[in-house]
Amino acid sequence: MANLLILSFGSTSYEGETLHFENGGFQKLKELELQRLHQLSSIFIDSGALQSLEKLQIMNIPELKAVPSGIQNLKKLQVLDILYMPTEFLQRIDPNGGEDYFMIKHVPHLHFVTKNRAFLLAERAANILCGVIEVCSIPFHQTKLN
């Protein structure tokens, strides 16, 4: 697995509550997809793990309420896709006071898909209306917030 470039975890591929990427792990991995992991409640990324990761997709993980711990250490991360995540997760990454926003603000391209109009992170961040089955792409670090 040392030369693995793309890794996808789906609903039947991982059933644990915690996912831990250890120091030195997956050094050549470019893309990681985490989808429909209904038991997963926490993700830890050690500072020496996933050092080549360019794209991370987090999709429909209802028990995950916070950004993966250590995501701020992924210096090559260019794209972060957040799809159908719980409101608590989205509130934590809100650039207007979200307690986890500092961990993802280095990522040039943040993409959100939400089916809940009650929390519109993208609308507040870039005056883009997001909603049911719409995609928003926002370069947060370049967006001036009011």
Foldseek 3Di string as FASTA:
>chain_A
DQQEAEEEDECPRDAEQEAEFDAPENQRHAEYEYENRANHAAYEYDLRGPQNHAEYEYEDHANHQEDHHNLLSNQNHAEYEYEAYDPSHVQLCQPPDRVCVVSCLNHQKYKYAYADQVDDSQCQQAVDRHHHGDMDIDRNNPTDGD
